[in-house]
């Protein structure tokens, strides 16, 4: 099963403040553990929402583009890791090992499973 470990944004990440050198080193060690375990598929960080936009579909055919930044930091994504795990519990265990990149601020990692092609085919 493929899972995304989604790092939620903080005030610092939304301000464009990069994690300290020690946090970057800790993330590098974590990524190396994922790689050595053979579960790492992809990892990346995202620019602050001030450099992005949202495309809003109203449901009645109207489309609106909203430029960032966005107010609700806790709803934004700062980065993600994609891993291959045997179960949700294994993916959660990996997420629990991730370093806290923004020490002193509350942060979250959301763990979400990807749909597999066979699952999508069953829906359609």
Protein backbone atom coordinates (compact mmCIF):
# COMPACT_ATOMS: atom_id res chain seq x y z
CA UNK A 1 0.00 0.00 0.00
CA UNK A 2 1.17 3.49 -0.76
CA UNK A 3 0.80 6.24 1.86
CA UNK A 4 1.45 9.97 1.95
CA UNK A 5 2.80 11.45 5.17
CA UNK A 6 1.63 15.04 4.92
CA UNK A 7 3.51 17.65 6.94
CA UNK A 8 1.09 20.40 7.90
CA UNK A 9 2.18 24.04 7.65
CA UNK A 10 3.16 26.15 10.64
CA UNK A 11 3.42 29.92 11.05
CA UNK A 12 7.15 29.60 10.34
CA UNK A 13 6.76 27.51 7.18
CA UNK A 14 4.07 29.89 5.89
CA UNK A 15 6.41 32.82 6.60
CA UNK A 16 9.03 31.13 4.41
CA UNK A 17 11.28 30.51 7.41
CA UNK A 18 13.40 27.45 6.77
CA UNK A 19 13.98 24.93 9.56
CA UNK A 20 17.29 25.24 11.40
CA UNK A 21 20.35 23.30 10.25
CA UNK A 22 19.85 20.73 13.01
CA UNK A 23 16.26 20.08 11.87
CA UNK A 24 17.38 19.69 8.26
CA UNK A 25 20.02 17.19 9.37
CA UNK A 26 17.41 15.27 11.37
CA UNK A 27 15.12 15.17 8.31
CA UNK A 28 18.02 13.91 6.20
CA UNK A 29 18.62 11.10 8.72
CA UNK A 30 14.91 10.21 8.70
CA UNK A 31 14.84 10.15 4.88
CA UNK A 32 17.93 7.92 4.92
CA UNK A 33 16.15 5.50 7.30
CA UNK A 34 13.17 5.38 4.94
CA UNK A 35 15.50 4.79 1.99
CA UNK A 36 17.48 2.05 3.78
CA UNK A 37 14.21 0.32 4.78
CA UNK A 38 13.16 0.33 1.11
CA UNK A 39 9.92 2.23 1.75
CA UNK A 40 10.73 5.74 0.46
CA UNK A 41 9.10 6.63 -2.86
CA UNK A 42 9.20 10.45 -2.84
CA UNK A 43 9.89 13.36 -0.50
CA UNK A 44 9.64 17.13 -0.98
CA UNK A 45 8.82 20.40 0.71
CA UNK A 46 6.47 23.05 -0.61
CA UNK A 47 6.84 26.81 -0.94
CA UNK A 48 4.57 28.93 1.32
CA UNK A 49 0.98 29.44 0.18
CA UNK A 50 1.84 33.09 -0.58
CA UNK A 51 3.55 31.73 -3.70
CA UNK A 52 0.55 29.61 -4.69
CA UNK A 53 -3.10 29.79 -5.66
CA UNK A 54 -6.34 27.86 -5.24
CA UNK A 55 -8.67 27.03 -8.08
CA UNK A 56 -12.23 26.98 -6.72
CA UNK A 57 -14.99 25.10 -8.54
CA UNK A 58 -18.37 26.45 -7.41
CA UNK A 59 -20.45 23.47 -8.53
CA UNK A 60 -22.43 25.53 -11.03
CA UNK A 61 -19.64 25.64 -13.61
CA UNK A 62 -17.97 28.81 -12.34
CA UNK A 63 -14.26 28.71 -11.63
CA UNK A 64 -12.47 31.22 -9.42
CA UNK A 65 -8.73 31.53 -8.82
CA UNK A 66 -7.72 32.71 -5.35
CA UNK A 67 -4.15 33.89 -4.89
CA UNK A 68 -2.28 32.97 -1.70
CA UNK A 69 -1.48 33.42 1.08
CA UNK A 70 -4.28 31.56 2.80
CA UNK A 71 -5.46 32.35 6.32
CA UNK A 72 -5.93 28.89 7.86
CA UNK A 73 -2.35 27.68 8.36
CA UNK A 74 -3.46 24.46 10.06
CA UNK A 75 -5.21 23.40 6.84
CA UNK A 76 -2.15 23.90 4.61
CA UNK A 77 0.54 21.43 3.56
CA UNK A 78 4.23 22.26 4.04
CA UNK A 79 5.63 19.09 2.50
CA UNK A 80 5.14 15.38 2.10
CA UNK A 81 6.76 11.97 2.01
CA UNK A 82 5.36 9.10 -0.04
CA UNK A 83 6.12 5.64 1.30
CA UNK A 84 5.24 2.03 0.56
CA UNK A 85 4.02 0.32 3.75
CA UNK A 86 2.27 -2.95 4.55
CA UNK A 87 -0.47 -1.27 6.60
CA UNK A 88 -1.78 1.99 7.98
CA UNK A 89 -0.20 1.08 11.32
CA UNK A 90 3.25 0.72 9.70
CA UNK A 91 2.81 4.10 7.97
CA UNK A 92 1.84 5.67 11.31
CA UNK A 93 4.93 4.17 12.95
CA UNK A 94 7.10 5.82 10.28
CA UNK A 95 5.30 9.15 10.78
CA UNK A 96 5.96 8.95 14.53
CA UNK A 97 9.71 8.73 13.78
CA UNK A 98 9.73 11.93 11.70
CA UNK A 99 11.63 14.85 13.22
CA UNK A 100 9.83 17.98 14.39
CA UNK A 101 11.11 20.55 11.91
CA UNK A 102 9.59 23.56 13.65
CA UNK A 103 10.51 23.05 17.29
CA UNK A 104 8.38 25.03 19.70
CA UNK A 105 5.33 25.12 17.43
CA UNK A 106 2.49 22.64 17.37
CA UNK A 107 2.70 20.56 14.22
CA UNK A 108 0.96 17.60 12.61
CA UNK A 109 1.63 14.84 10.13
CA UNK A 110 -1.43 13.48 8.40
CA UNK A 111 -1.18 9.88 7.15
CA UNK A 112 -3.31 9.07 4.08
CA UNK A 113 -3.45 5.98 1.89
CA UNK A 114 -3.49 6.33 -1.88
CA UNK A 115 -6.21 4.65 -3.90
CA UNK A 116 -4.76 1.76 -5.86
CA UNK A 117 -5.80 1.43 -9.50
CA UNK A 118 -7.82 -1.73 -8.70
CA UNK A 119 -9.77 0.17 -6.01
CA UNK A 120 -10.61 2.96 -8.48
CA UNK A 121 -11.73 0.42 -11.11
CA UNK A 122 -14.19 -1.11 -8.61
CA UNK A 123 -15.77 2.30 -7.95
CA UNK A 124 -16.29 3.06 -11.63
